[in-house]
Amino acid sequence: MPEADDDIVVTMLPTEELTEAHRSSVIDVCIAAHDEEEFKNLFRVYIKSGGRHFLTFRGTELVSHAVVTTRWVQPEGHRILKTAFLDAVSTLPEYQGRGYGTVTLRRAAEAITDYDIGCLQTDKPGFYDRMGWELWRGPLAGRCEHGLIPTPDQRGVMVLRLSQTPQLDLDALLTIEQQPNRIWE
């Protein structure tokens, strides 16, 4: 966990309330954490509005970020569930492994009680499973107006059970609505 004397503040802001300075800092943290330039399009392509951004500051420096957007997953045999989809989870490399990401995710989990379930896609499931996230073992697919789009090569989809989450079979089919630029990732 962060040092007791660290000045740590986790703030939640809707996408629409992020200043240009916030947006720039979020993009910088995401690119530094993932070494992925595609994050330059975070606000132009992927999350234009409607997100809940969790910003973790150490003093005045943004060191960690995560965003929750509303998506819709459907576990086989259940209705479509309002889903808190966690994305752009990032911590500056020099602060990784020191608890800042954990603090950010715990704050996000506390704030999604108005959803049926949490969901994310990651290549680091060990980081999330210690906080209660569970790896989906069954087949995955996207949903569109033409039917299902199987995603057999997709890995790392995880769910977080919330108080409203129905009984789940993690080996069953899980689908999510297709978005213009993505299915799971």
N, C-alpha and C. Protein backbone atom coordinates (compact mmCIF):
# COMPACT_ATOMS: atom_id res chain seq x y z
N MET A 1 0.84 -1.18 0.00
CA MET A 1 0.00 0.00 0.00
C MET A 1 0.88 1.24 0.00
N PRO A 2 0.32 2.36 -0.48
CA PRO A 2 1.10 3.60 -0.44
C PRO A 2 1.54 3.91 0.98
N GLU A 3 2.64 4.61 1.08
CA GLU A 3 3.18 4.99 2.39
C GLU A 3 2.16 5.82 3.16
N ALA A 4 2.12 5.66 4.46
CA ALA A 4 1.17 6.37 5.32
C ALA A 4 1.33 7.88 5.20
N ASP A 5 2.55 8.35 4.95
CA ASP A 5 2.74 9.79 4.87
C ASP A 5 2.52 10.35 3.45
N ASP A 6 2.22 9.48 2.49
CA ASP A 6 1.90 9.95 1.14
C ASP A 6 0.58 10.71 1.17
N ASP A 7 0.51 11.77 0.42
CA ASP A 7 -0.71 12.55 0.28
C ASP A 7 -1.50 11.96 -0.88
N ILE A 8 -2.33 10.92 -0.58
CA ILE A 8 -3.06 10.18 -1.61
C ILE A 8 -4.52 10.60 -1.61
N VAL A 9 -5.01 10.95 -2.80
CA VAL A 9 -6.41 11.31 -2.97
C VAL A 9 -6.92 10.58 -4.20
N VAL A 10 -8.06 9.88 -4.05
CA VAL A 10 -8.72 9.25 -5.19
C VAL A 10 -10.00 10.05 -5.45
N THR A 11 -10.11 10.55 -6.66
CA THR A 11 -11.24 11.36 -7.06
C THR A 11 -11.98 10.66 -8.19
N MET A 12 -13.31 10.72 -8.18
CA MET A 12 -14.11 10.20 -9.29
C MET A 12 -14.69 11.39 -10.03
N LEU A 13 -14.46 11.41 -11.35
CA LEU A 13 -15.03 12.46 -12.19
C LEU A 13 -15.66 11.85 -13.42
N PRO A 14 -16.84 12.32 -13.81
CA PRO A 14 -17.42 11.89 -15.09
C PRO A 14 -16.56 12.41 -16.24
N THR A 15 -16.57 11.70 -17.35
CA THR A 15 -15.79 12.11 -18.52
C THR A 15 -16.06 13.58 -18.84
N GLU A 16 -17.32 13.98 -18.78
CA GLU A 16 -17.70 15.33 -19.16
C GLU A 16 -17.10 16.41 -18.24
N GLU A 17 -16.68 16.04 -17.04
CA GLU A 17 -16.11 17.01 -16.11
C GLU A 17 -14.58 17.01 -16.08
N LEU A 18 -13.96 16.15 -16.87
CA LEU A 18 -12.50 16.14 -16.93
C LEU A 18 -12.02 17.39 -17.67
N THR A 19 -11.08 18.09 -17.09
CA THR A 19 -10.48 19.24 -17.77
C THR A 19 -9.51 18.72 -18.84
N GLU A 20 -9.06 19.61 -19.69
CA GLU A 20 -8.06 19.22 -20.68
C GLU A 20 -6.78 18.75 -19.99
N ALA A 21 -6.44 19.36 -18.86
CA ALA A 21 -5.26 18.92 -18.11
C ALA A 21 -5.46 17.50 -17.57
N HIS A 22 -6.65 17.21 -17.05
CA HIS A 22 -6.95 15.84 -16.59
C HIS A 22 -6.81 14.86 -17.74
N ARG A 23 -7.43 15.18 -18.86
CA ARG A 23 -7.41 14.28 -20.01
C ARG A 23 -5.98 14.02 -20.47
N SER A 24 -5.20 15.06 -20.55
CA SER A 24 -3.81 14.92 -20.97
C SER A 24 -3.03 14.04 -19.99
N SER A 25 -3.23 14.26 -18.69
CA SER A 25 -2.55 13.45 -17.67
C SER A 25 -2.99 11.99 -17.73
N VAL A 26 -4.28 11.75 -17.93
CA VAL A 26 -4.78 10.37 -18.04
C VAL A 26 -4.12 9.68 -19.22
N ILE A 27 -4.09 10.34 -20.37
CA ILE A 27 -3.47 9.75 -21.55
C ILE A 27 -1.99 9.46 -21.29
N ASP A 28 -1.29 10.39 -20.67
CA ASP A 28 0.13 10.19 -20.37
C ASP A 28 0.34 8.99 -19.44
N VAL A 29 -0.50 8.86 -18.41
CA VAL A 29 -0.37 7.72 -17.47
C VAL A 29 -0.64 6.41 -18.21
N CYS A 30 -1.69 6.39 -19.03
CA CYS A 30 -2.02 5.15 -19.76
C CYS A 30 -0.91 4.74 -20.72
N ILE A 31 -0.38 5.71 -21.47
CA ILE A 31 0.70 5.39 -22.41
C ILE A 31 1.94 4.92 -21.66
N ALA A 32 2.30 5.59 -20.58
CA ALA A 32 3.47 5.18 -19.80
C ALA A 32 3.30 3.79 -19.21
N ALA A 33 2.10 3.48 -18.71
CA ALA A 33 1.85 2.20 -18.06
C ALA A 33 1.83 1.04 -19.05
N HIS A 34 1.31 1.28 -20.25
CA HIS A 34 1.09 0.17 -21.20
C HIS A 34 2.00 0.23 -22.42
N ASP A 35 2.76 1.32 -22.57
CA ASP A 35 3.61 1.51 -23.74
C ASP A 35 2.78 1.32 -25.01
N GLU A 36 1.62 1.97 -25.03
CA GLU A 36 0.66 1.80 -26.12
C GLU A 36 0.15 3.18 -26.54
N GLU A 37 0.55 3.62 -27.73
CA GLU A 37 0.18 4.95 -28.23
C GLU A 37 -1.31 5.07 -28.55
N GLU A 38 -2.02 3.96 -28.70
CA GLU A 38 -3.45 4.02 -29.02
C GLU A 38 -4.24 4.77 -27.94
N PHE A 39 -3.68 4.89 -26.75
CA PHE A 39 -4.36 5.64 -25.69
C PHE A 39 -4.52 7.13 -26.05
N LYS A 40 -3.80 7.61 -27.05
CA LYS A 40 -4.01 8.99 -27.51
C LYS A 40 -5.44 9.19 -27.99
N ASN A 41 -6.10 8.09 -28.37
CA ASN A 41 -7.48 8.15 -28.87
C ASN A 41 -8.52 7.87 -27.79
N LEU A 42 -8.09 7.78 -26.54
CA LEU A 42 -9.00 7.40 -25.46
C LEU A 42 -10.26 8.26 -25.45
N PHE A 43 -10.13 9.56 -25.55
CA PHE A 43 -11.28 10.45 -25.45
C PHE A 43 -11.89 10.81 -26.81
N ARG A 44 -11.14 10.58 -27.88
CA ARG A 44 -11.67 10.87 -29.22
C ARG A 44 -12.44 9.70 -29.81
N VAL A 45 -12.05 8.49 -29.46
CA VAL A 45 -12.66 7.30 -30.08
C VAL A 45 -13.40 6.42 -29.08
N TYR A 46 -12.77 6.11 -27.96
CA TYR A 46 -13.28 5.07 -27.08
C TYR A 46 -14.22 5.56 -25.99
N ILE A 47 -13.88 6.64 -25.31
CA ILE A 47 -14.71 7.11 -24.20
C ILE A 47 -14.95 8.61 -24.38
N LYS A 48 -15.83 8.92 -25.31
CA LYS A 48 -16.14 10.32 -25.59
C LYS A 48 -16.96 10.93 -24.46
N SER A 49 -17.80 10.12 -23.84
CA SER A 49 -18.63 10.59 -22.73
C SER A 49 -19.11 9.37 -21.95
N GLY A 50 -19.73 9.64 -20.80
CA GLY A 50 -20.39 8.57 -20.05
C GLY A 50 -19.51 7.74 -19.13
N GLY A 51 -18.23 8.05 -19.02
CA GLY A 51 -17.36 7.27 -18.14
C GLY A 51 -17.30 7.86 -16.75
N ARG A 52 -16.94 7.01 -15.81
CA ARG A 52 -16.61 7.44 -14.45
C ARG A 52 -15.12 7.18 -14.28
N HIS A 53 -14.35 8.24 -14.19
CA HIS A 53 -12.90 8.13 -14.10
C HIS A 53 -12.45 8.21 -12.65
N PHE A 54 -11.62 7.25 -12.26
CA PHE A 54 -11.06 7.22 -10.91
C PHE A 54 -9.61 7.64 -11.03
N LEU A 55 -9.31 8.80 -10.48
CA LEU A 55 -8.01 9.43 -10.60
C LEU A 55 -7.33 9.39 -9.24
N THR A 56 -6.18 8.74 -9.17
CA THR A 56 -5.44 8.66 -7.92
C THR A 56 -4.23 9.57 -8.01
N PHE A 57 -4.22 10.54 -7.11
CA PHE A 57 -3.15 11.53 -7.07
C PHE A 57 -2.25 11.27 -5.88
N ARG A 58 -0.97 11.44 -6.09
CA ARG A 58 0.03 11.48 -5.00
C ARG A 58 0.49 12.93 -4.98
N GLY A 59 -0.02 13.68 -4.02
CA GLY A 59 0.17 15.12 -4.05
C GLY A 59 -0.62 15.67 -5.22
N THR A 60 0.06 16.36 -6.12
CA THR A 60 -0.61 16.90 -7.31
C THR A 60 -0.39 16.05 -8.55
N GLU A 61 0.37 14.96 -8.40
CA GLU A 61 0.72 14.12 -9.55
C GLU A 61 -0.30 12.98 -9.72
N LEU A 62 -0.86 12.86 -10.92
CA LEU A 62 -1.72 11.73 -11.23
C LEU A 62 -0.83 10.50 -11.40
N VAL A 63 -1.05 9.48 -10.55
CA VAL A 63 -0.21 8.29 -10.61
C VAL A 63 -0.97 7.05 -11.05
N SER A 64 -2.31 7.07 -10.95
CA SER A 64 -3.09 5.90 -11.32
C SER A 64 -4.46 6.33 -11.82
N HIS A 65 -5.02 5.52 -12.72
CA HIS A 65 -6.31 5.82 -13.35
C HIS A 65 -7.05 4.53 -13.67
N ALA A 66 -8.36 4.59 -13.61
CA ALA A 66 -9.25 3.54 -14.13
C ALA A 66 -10.54 4.23 -14.52
N VAL A 67 -11.23 3.66 -15.48
CA VAL A 67 -12.52 4.22 -15.90
C VAL A 67 -13.55 3.10 -15.97
N VAL A 68 -14.76 3.43 -15.57
CA VAL A 68 -15.90 2.52 -15.67
C VAL A 68 -16.88 3.11 -16.67
N THR A 69 -17.27 2.29 -17.64
CA THR A 69 -18.32 2.68 -18.58
C THR A 69 -19.43 1.64 -18.49
N THR A 70 -20.60 2.01 -18.96
CA THR A 70 -21.73 1.08 -18.94
C THR A 70 -21.71 0.24 -20.20
N ARG A 71 -21.67 -1.07 -20.00
CA ARG A 71 -21.78 -2.04 -21.09
C ARG A 71 -22.86 -3.03 -20.67
N TRP A 72 -23.11 -4.03 -21.50
CA TRP A 72 -24.21 -4.97 -21.25
C TRP A 72 -23.75 -6.39 -21.55
N VAL A 73 -23.46 -7.16 -20.51
CA VAL A 73 -23.10 -8.57 -20.70
C VAL A 73 -24.31 -9.44 -20.44
N GLN A 74 -24.26 -10.62 -21.04
CA GLN A 74 -25.33 -11.60 -20.82
C GLN A 74 -24.72 -12.98 -20.61
N PRO A 75 -24.72 -13.44 -19.36
CA PRO A 75 -24.31 -14.82 -19.12
C PRO A 75 -25.41 -15.76 -19.64
N GLU A 76 -25.01 -16.84 -20.24
CA GLU A 76 -25.98 -17.80 -20.78
C GLU A 76 -27.01 -18.18 -19.72
N GLY A 77 -28.29 -18.13 -20.10
CA GLY A 77 -29.37 -18.48 -19.19
C GLY A 77 -29.87 -17.34 -18.33
N HIS A 78 -29.31 -16.13 -18.52
CA HIS A 78 -29.70 -14.97 -17.72
C HIS A 78 -30.10 -13.81 -18.63
N ARG A 79 -30.76 -12.84 -18.04
CA ARG A 79 -31.10 -11.60 -18.75
C ARG A 79 -29.81 -10.82 -19.01
N ILE A 80 -29.90 -9.83 -19.85
CA ILE A 80 -28.78 -8.92 -20.09
C ILE A 80 -28.56 -8.09 -18.82
N LEU A 81 -27.31 -8.00 -18.38
CA LEU A 81 -26.97 -7.33 -17.13
C LEU A 81 -26.30 -5.98 -17.37
N LYS A 82 -26.74 -4.97 -16.64
CA LYS A 82 -26.08 -3.66 -16.67
C LYS A 82 -24.69 -3.86 -16.07
N THR A 83 -23.67 -3.55 -16.85
CA THR A 83 -22.30 -3.93 -16.52
C THR A 83 -21.39 -2.72 -16.35
N ALA A 84 -20.69 -2.69 -15.24
CA ALA A 84 -19.63 -1.71 -15.01
C ALA A 84 -18.38 -2.28 -15.66
N PHE A 85 -18.05 -1.77 -16.85
CA PHE A 85 -16.89 -2.27 -17.58
C PHE A 85 -15.68 -1.42 -17.22
N LEU A 86 -14.70 -2.05 -16.59
CA LEU A 86 -13.49 -1.38 -16.12
C LEU A 86 -12.45 -1.37 -17.24
N ASP A 87 -11.88 -0.20 -17.47
CA ASP A 87 -10.98 -0.05 -18.60
C ASP A 87 -9.88 0.95 -18.28
N ALA A 88 -8.86 0.96 -19.11
CA ALA A 88 -7.75 1.92 -19.01
C ALA A 88 -7.18 1.97 -17.59
N VAL A 89 -7.06 0.79 -16.98
CA VAL A 89 -6.46 0.69 -15.64
C VAL A 89 -4.96 0.87 -15.82
N SER A 90 -4.43 1.92 -15.22
CA SER A 90 -3.04 2.29 -15.48
C SER A 90 -2.42 2.94 -14.26
N THR A 91 -1.16 2.59 -14.01
CA THR A 91 -0.37 3.24 -12.97
C THR A 91 0.99 3.56 -13.56
N LEU A 92 1.49 4.75 -13.27
CA LEU A 92 2.82 5.11 -13.77
C LEU A 92 3.83 4.03 -13.38
N PRO A 93 4.71 3.64 -14.27
CA PRO A 93 5.66 2.55 -13.99
C PRO A 93 6.42 2.70 -12.69
N GLU A 94 6.85 3.91 -12.35
CA GLU A 94 7.63 4.09 -11.11
C GLU A 94 6.80 3.90 -9.85
N TYR A 95 5.47 3.83 -9.98
CA TYR A 95 4.59 3.62 -8.82
C TYR A 95 3.93 2.23 -8.83
N GLN A 96 4.18 1.45 -9.85
CA GLN A 96 3.58 0.11 -9.92
C GLN A 96 4.13 -0.77 -8.82
N GLY A 97 3.28 -1.64 -8.29
CA GLY A 97 3.68 -2.56 -7.23
C GLY A 97 3.72 -1.91 -5.86
N ARG A 98 3.22 -0.70 -5.76
CA ARG A 98 3.25 0.02 -4.48
C ARG A 98 1.86 0.29 -3.92
N GLY A 99 0.82 -0.28 -4.54
CA GLY A 99 -0.53 -0.19 -3.98
C GLY A 99 -1.43 0.87 -4.57
N TYR A 100 -0.92 1.70 -5.47
CA TYR A 100 -1.75 2.76 -6.03
C TYR A 100 -2.86 2.21 -6.92
N GLY A 101 -2.55 1.21 -7.74
CA GLY A 101 -3.57 0.58 -8.56
C GLY A 101 -4.63 -0.10 -7.72
N THR A 102 -4.20 -0.75 -6.65
CA THR A 102 -5.14 -1.42 -5.74
C THR A 102 -6.09 -0.41 -5.11
N VAL A 103 -5.55 0.71 -4.64
CA VAL A 103 -6.39 1.76 -4.04
C VAL A 103 -7.40 2.27 -5.08
N THR A 104 -6.94 2.46 -6.31
CA THR A 104 -7.82 2.95 -7.37
C THR A 104 -8.95 1.96 -7.65
N LEU A 105 -8.60 0.68 -7.75
CA LEU A 105 -9.62 -0.34 -8.05
C LEU A 105 -10.59 -0.54 -6.90
N ARG A 106 -10.11 -0.47 -5.70
CA ARG A 106 -11.03 -0.61 -4.55
C ARG A 106 -12.04 0.54 -4.54
N ARG A 107 -11.58 1.74 -4.83
CA ARG A 107 -12.49 2.89 -4.88
C ARG A 107 -13.51 2.70 -6.00
N ALA A 108 -13.06 2.20 -7.15
CA ALA A 108 -13.98 1.95 -8.26
C ALA A 108 -15.02 0.90 -7.88
N ALA A 109 -14.59 -0.18 -7.23
CA ALA A 109 -15.52 -1.24 -6.82
C ALA A 109 -16.56 -0.72 -5.84
N GLU A 110 -16.17 0.20 -4.97
CA GLU A 110 -17.13 0.79 -4.02
C GLU A 110 -18.17 1.65 -4.72
N ALA A 111 -17.85 2.15 -5.91
CA ALA A 111 -18.71 3.11 -6.59
C ALA A 111 -19.63 2.49 -7.64
N ILE A 112 -19.60 1.17 -7.81
CA ILE A 112 -20.40 0.57 -8.89
C ILE A 112 -21.59 -0.23 -8.35
N THR A 113 -22.08 0.16 -7.21
CA THR A 113 -23.20 -0.56 -6.60
C THR A 113 -24.50 -0.42 -7.38
N ASP A 114 -24.56 0.50 -8.34
CA ASP A 114 -25.75 0.68 -9.16
C ASP A 114 -25.72 -0.21 -10.41
N TYR A 115 -24.77 -1.11 -10.49
CA TYR A 115 -24.64 -2.04 -11.61
C TYR A 115 -24.98 -3.46 -11.15
N ASP A 116 -25.24 -4.34 -12.14
CA ASP A 116 -25.53 -5.74 -11.86
C ASP A 116 -24.27 -6.57 -11.70
N ILE A 117 -23.19 -6.17 -12.39
CA ILE A 117 -21.96 -6.96 -12.43
C ILE A 117 -20.82 -6.06 -12.89
N GLY A 118 -19.60 -6.41 -12.53
CA GLY A 118 -18.42 -5.75 -13.06
C GLY A 118 -17.76 -6.66 -14.08
N CYS A 119 -17.08 -6.08 -15.07
CA CYS A 119 -16.40 -6.87 -16.10
C CYS A 119 -15.19 -6.09 -16.58
N LEU A 120 -14.17 -6.81 -17.00
CA LEU A 120 -12.97 -6.20 -17.58
C LEU A 120 -12.27 -7.23 -18.44
N GLN A 121 -11.31 -6.78 -19.22
CA GLN A 121 -10.45 -7.66 -20.00
C GLN A 121 -9.03 -7.26 -19.68
N THR A 122 -8.18 -8.26 -19.38
CA THR A 122 -6.80 -7.97 -18.98
C THR A 122 -5.85 -9.08 -19.41
N ASP A 123 -4.59 -8.74 -19.49
CA ASP A 123 -3.56 -9.75 -19.68
C ASP A 123 -2.82 -10.01 -18.36
N LYS A 124 -3.33 -9.43 -17.26
CA LYS A 124 -2.75 -9.62 -15.94
C LYS A 124 -3.81 -10.03 -14.92
N PRO A 125 -4.42 -11.21 -15.10
CA PRO A 125 -5.51 -11.60 -14.20
C PRO A 125 -5.10 -11.73 -12.73
N GLY A 126 -3.86 -12.05 -12.45
CA GLY A 126 -3.41 -12.20 -11.07
C GLY A 126 -3.58 -10.93 -10.25
N PHE A 127 -3.42 -9.77 -10.89
CA PHE A 127 -3.60 -8.50 -10.20
C PHE A 127 -5.04 -8.34 -9.72
N TYR A 128 -5.99 -8.78 -10.53
CA TYR A 128 -7.41 -8.57 -10.24
C TYR A 128 -8.00 -9.68 -9.37
N ASP A 129 -7.54 -10.91 -9.52
CA ASP A 129 -8.20 -12.00 -8.78
C ASP A 129 -8.00 -11.86 -7.28
N ARG A 130 -6.95 -11.21 -6.84
CA ARG A 130 -6.76 -11.03 -5.40
C ARG A 130 -7.73 -10.01 -4.82
N MET A 131 -8.45 -9.29 -5.71
CA MET A 131 -9.45 -8.33 -5.26
C MET A 131 -10.87 -8.82 -5.55
N GLY A 132 -11.00 -10.11 -5.82
CA GLY A 132 -12.33 -10.69 -5.98
C GLY A 132 -12.81 -10.87 -7.41
N TRP A 133 -12.06 -10.42 -8.39
CA TRP A 133 -12.43 -10.62 -9.78
C TRP A 133 -12.20 -12.09 -10.15
N GLU A 134 -13.07 -12.63 -11.00
CA GLU A 134 -12.98 -14.03 -11.40
C GLU A 134 -12.82 -14.15 -12.91
N LEU A 135 -11.90 -15.01 -13.33
CA LEU A 135 -11.66 -15.24 -14.75
C LEU A 135 -12.82 -16.02 -15.35
N TRP A 136 -13.35 -15.53 -16.47
CA TRP A 136 -14.42 -16.24 -17.17
C TRP A 136 -13.77 -17.36 -17.98
N ARG A 137 -14.20 -18.59 -17.73
CA ARG A 137 -13.58 -19.76 -18.37
C ARG A 137 -14.33 -20.22 -19.61
N GLY A 138 -15.59 -19.85 -19.72
CA GLY A 138 -16.42 -20.32 -20.83
C GLY A 138 -16.19 -19.54 -22.11
N PRO A 139 -16.93 -19.92 -23.17
CA PRO A 139 -16.79 -19.22 -24.44
C PRO A 139 -17.29 -17.78 -24.35
N LEU A 140 -16.75 -16.95 -25.22
CA LEU A 140 -17.08 -15.53 -25.25
C LEU A 140 -17.54 -15.14 -26.65
N ALA A 141 -18.42 -14.14 -26.71
CA ALA A 141 -18.89 -13.65 -28.01
C ALA A 141 -19.40 -12.23 -27.87
N GLY A 142 -19.42 -11.55 -29.00
CA GLY A 142 -20.05 -10.24 -29.07
C GLY A 142 -21.47 -10.42 -29.59
N ARG A 143 -22.33 -9.46 -29.27
CA ARG A 143 -23.71 -9.48 -29.76
C ARG A 143 -23.91 -8.27 -30.68
N CYS A 144 -24.55 -8.50 -31.81
CA CYS A 144 -24.92 -7.40 -32.69
C CYS A 144 -26.29 -7.70 -33.27
N GLU A 145 -26.81 -6.80 -34.09
CA GLU A 145 -28.16 -7.00 -34.64
C GLU A 145 -28.26 -8.23 -35.53
N HIS A 146 -27.12 -8.74 -35.99
CA HIS A 146 -27.12 -9.92 -36.86
C HIS A 146 -26.90 -11.22 -36.10
N GLY A 147 -26.73 -11.15 -34.78
CA GLY A 147 -26.52 -12.35 -33.97
C GLY A 147 -25.21 -12.28 -33.19
N LEU A 148 -24.63 -13.44 -32.94
CA LEU A 148 -23.42 -13.52 -32.14
C LEU A 148 -22.17 -13.52 -33.02
N ILE A 149 -21.13 -12.90 -32.49
CA ILE A 149 -19.81 -12.88 -33.13
C ILE A 149 -18.87 -13.62 -32.19
N PRO A 150 -18.58 -14.90 -32.47
CA PRO A 150 -17.70 -15.65 -31.57
C PRO A 150 -16.32 -14.98 -31.47
N THR A 151 -15.76 -14.99 -30.26
CA THR A 151 -14.42 -14.44 -30.03
C THR A 151 -13.57 -15.52 -29.36
N PRO A 152 -13.30 -16.63 -30.10
CA PRO A 152 -12.63 -17.78 -29.48
C PRO A 152 -11.20 -17.50 -29.02
N ASP A 153 -10.55 -16.50 -29.57
CA ASP A 153 -9.17 -16.20 -29.18
C ASP A 153 -9.08 -15.21 -28.02
N GLN A 154 -10.22 -14.70 -27.60
CA GLN A 154 -10.23 -13.72 -26.52
C GLN A 154 -9.83 -14.38 -25.20
N ARG A 155 -8.97 -13.72 -24.46
CA ARG A 155 -8.52 -14.21 -23.17
C ARG A 155 -8.61 -13.08 -22.15
N GLY A 156 -8.62 -13.43 -20.89
CA GLY A 156 -8.50 -12.45 -19.83
C GLY A 156 -9.76 -11.68 -19.49
N VAL A 157 -10.94 -12.18 -19.85
CA VAL A 157 -12.18 -11.53 -19.44
C VAL A 157 -12.48 -11.97 -18.01
N MET A 158 -12.72 -10.99 -17.15
CA MET A 158 -12.97 -11.25 -15.74
C MET A 158 -14.26 -10.56 -15.31
N VAL A 159 -14.91 -11.12 -14.30
CA VAL A 159 -16.13 -10.51 -13.76
C VAL A 159 -15.98 -10.31 -12.25
N LEU A 160 -16.70 -9.32 -11.76
CA LEU A 160 -16.76 -9.04 -10.33
C LEU A 160 -18.23 -9.16 -9.93
N ARG A 161 -18.50 -10.10 -9.03
CA ARG A 161 -19.87 -10.27 -8.56
C ARG A 161 -20.23 -9.12 -7.61
N LEU A 162 -21.39 -8.54 -7.85
CA LEU A 162 -21.92 -7.47 -7.01
C LEU A 162 -23.17 -7.99 -6.32
N SER A 163 -23.77 -7.19 -5.48
CA SER A 163 -24.92 -7.68 -4.71
C SER A 163 -26.08 -8.11 -5.59
N GLN A 164 -26.22 -7.54 -6.79
CA GLN A 164 -27.31 -7.89 -7.69
C GLN A 164 -26.95 -8.98 -8.70
N THR A 165 -25.72 -9.44 -8.69
CA THR A 165 -25.28 -10.43 -9.67
C THR A 165 -26.00 -11.76 -9.44
N PRO A 166 -26.59 -12.33 -10.51
CA PRO A 166 -27.22 -13.65 -10.35
C PRO A 166 -26.16 -14.74 -10.17
N GLN A 167 -26.62 -15.93 -9.84
CA GLN A 167 -25.72 -17.09 -9.79
C GLN A 167 -25.09 -17.26 -11.16
N LEU A 168 -23.79 -17.44 -11.20
CA LEU A 168 -23.08 -17.54 -12.47
C LEU A 168 -22.41 -18.89 -12.63
N ASP A 169 -22.39 -19.36 -13.86
CA ASP A 169 -21.60 -20.52 -14.26
C ASP A 169 -20.46 -19.96 -15.10
N LEU A 170 -19.28 -19.89 -14.54
CA LEU A 170 -18.14 -19.29 -15.23
C LEU A 170 -17.67 -20.08 -16.44
N ASP A 171 -18.25 -21.27 -16.66
CA ASP A 171 -17.91 -22.08 -17.82
C ASP A 171 -18.94 -21.95 -18.94
N ALA A 172 -19.99 -21.16 -18.73
CA ALA A 172 -21.04 -20.96 -19.73
C ALA A 172 -20.63 -19.86 -20.71
N LEU A 173 -21.44 -19.65 -21.72
CA LEU A 173 -21.22 -18.59 -22.70
C LEU A 173 -21.46 -17.22 -22.05
N LEU A 174 -20.60 -16.27 -22.35
CA LEU A 174 -20.78 -14.88 -21.92
C LEU A 174 -20.70 -14.01 -23.17
N THR A 175 -21.69 -13.15 -23.35
CA THR A 175 -21.70 -12.25 -24.50
C THR A 175 -21.73 -10.80 -24.02
N ILE A 176 -21.27 -9.92 -24.90
CA ILE A 176 -21.28 -8.49 -24.64
C ILE A 176 -21.67 -7.79 -25.93
N GLU A 177 -22.32 -6.62 -25.81
CA GLU A 177 -22.73 -5.90 -27.02
C GLU A 177 -21.49 -5.43 -27.77
N GLN A 178 -21.56 -5.52 -29.09
CA GLN A 178 -20.47 -5.03 -29.92
C GLN A 178 -20.56 -3.51 -29.97
N GLN A 179 -19.42 -2.87 -29.83
CA GLN A 179 -19.36 -1.42 -29.98
C GLN A 179 -18.67 -1.11 -31.31
N PRO A 180 -18.80 0.13 -31.80
CA PRO A 180 -18.22 0.44 -33.11
C PRO A 180 -16.75 0.09 -33.26
N ASN A 181 -15.97 0.24 -32.21
CA ASN A 181 -14.53 0.02 -32.33
C ASN A 181 -14.00 -1.18 -31.57
N ARG A 182 -14.91 -1.99 -31.00
CA ARG A 182 -14.40 -3.11 -30.20
C ARG A 182 -15.53 -4.03 -29.76
N ILE A 183 -15.10 -5.21 -29.32
CA ILE A 183 -16.02 -6.12 -28.63
C ILE A 183 -15.61 -6.17 -27.17
N TRP A 184 -14.53 -6.87 -26.83
CA TRP A 184 -14.10 -6.99 -25.44
C TRP A 184 -13.03 -5.98 -25.04
N GLU A 185 -12.09 -5.74 -25.89
CA GLU A 185 -10.94 -4.92 -25.52
C GLU A 185 -11.21 -3.45 -25.70
